[in-house]
Amino acid sequence: MTDSPVINLPRGEPTPQETVAELDRYIVGQAKAKRAVAVALRNRYRRRQITGPLRDDVRPKNILMIGPTGVGKTEIARRLAQIAGVPFLKVEATKFTEVGYVGRDVDSMIRDLVEVAIRLLRTRKLEALTPKARQRARERLLDVLLPPSRPRHPLSGFEKDSTATPGLPMDRIETDSESHARSRIAARLDAGDLDDKMVEIDVTETVTPMVEVFTQSGIEEMGFNLQGFQSALGNLFPPRHKRRQVKVAEAREIFFHEEINRLLDQEELQREAVRLAEDSGIVFLDEIDKIAASYVSKTGPDVSREGVQRDLLPLVEGTTVVTKYGMVKTDHILFIAAGAFNVSKPSDLIPELQGRFPVRVELDKLTVDDFKRILTEPQNALVKQYAALLEVDGVALRFHPDAIDRIARFACEANANQENIGARRLHTIMELLLDEISFQAPAERQGEVEITPELVERILAPVLQNQDLARFIL
């Protein structure tokens, strides 16, 4: 048995303590869930350091998060993927149906994960190749603006000089005057002096055929990478060239994209993306409690939700899924499932699926203190977001500490009297609180505006006291 290739992650390999510290910057509380995902992330690094066939036998310990909505389940998984720099896909279990029903089959989530991996790797490679592609595009543009005695590039927009003196070699060296003129044009080009000048160039138009493929979930469009496909079919779909007159600034971007496509090896990109998805991909299965038997029996007809659970079994356990980029193994993909389980409970899932999620963590309900911290502490706290938004219109928004306390208490009270939607309640309350200020800025409101406890009480208290109005607004 051969060892699987090692995927080198660009952001390093954080320790569990470093992962938890990074998660703490964005998510308040939920220490148990943070520890669980931090250990799972570190175990992936540990597995890659194992040599020999044992490495393939070390499987990820999938995680089941149990907790009400709005307490940070999705955010923990999403931030974990950002920390590790790995492909991450969030899907809802309720969108899938058992094979034989109309709807998406569970294999489609793996195909979507590979697409995410391709976009992730493409972005990284483009960042690395951009300087070289810019330089090559610059040289092509200089050839258009000041063509040499002999064209340097087949797409330079100029033909061979038909008036050349017979007998003279075509590969003659540029004279000093030509080199000096090219340097002057290059300086003006770099300074942007020629951006509005019109030039005539040849633009490559590549025709990519689309093939409809019938799958269990319906019809999917699959595009083929022609770089390897053309050679196999003898240039059945050759690129076409179209002569266009454009400004220099536009020509620079056209040449840049053409050069970046030449430098980027699409086949290698796809192979690396498949390996990255296999070894480091994370799939977040939300609303998994909605496919439990007891939930379906109490809330509506059973659209074969138990069948969806059975279809999930091979994916979570480890199987091979056919994609347009090749076969993808799911053995080492980390699955994180989450659900509120307010109607059902984890034991209502079929036993086989329960066993595929050995790590279970229960997330805590949010308290008043948690709401206060959520409003102010995270790097992307709501108070900071609204202050930044209104700063654009010249309003310096300030929150009195007691006003923060009142907002947190109102959010907690609304969750207690109505459906508990966790921290999402803060969004509706903040929008109601700042509605007048946001509407009046910048026409009528400028300068510093302080949110006081009295203002919070005046706006929010009447709404919360009227239960019918609170249900409608909050």
Foldseek 3Di string as FASTA:
>chain_A
DDDDDDDDFPLDQDALVVQLVQVVQAAPDPSVVSSVLSVLSNVLVVLSPDDDPVSLVDAGQFEEEAAFAARQPVVSQVVSCVNRLAQEAEDELVQAFFQPDAGDAPLVRLQVSLVSLLVSVLVVVCVVCLVVLLVVLLVLLLCQVQNDQQHPDPFSQDDHDPPDDPPDDSPDDDDPVSVVVSVVVSVCVVVVVQQQPKTKTKAKAFDWDWDWDQDSNGTDIDTDDVPVVCVVVVNPGPIDIDIDIDGSNVSSVRSSVVSSVVVDDVLVSSVSSLSRCQSPYEYEHEALVCLFPQNDVPPHDRSPSLSSLVSCLCLLCWDWRQYPSGIHINRHYHYYYYHHCPRHDLVSRPPSSSVSNPHYDYGDADDLVSQLCQQPRHPPHPVVVVQVVLVVLAEREAEDSVLSSVLSVLLVLLCVVDPNNYNVSSVLLVCQLCVVVVVCTPVNDHYYDYDYNVSSCVRRVVQVVPVVSVVVRD
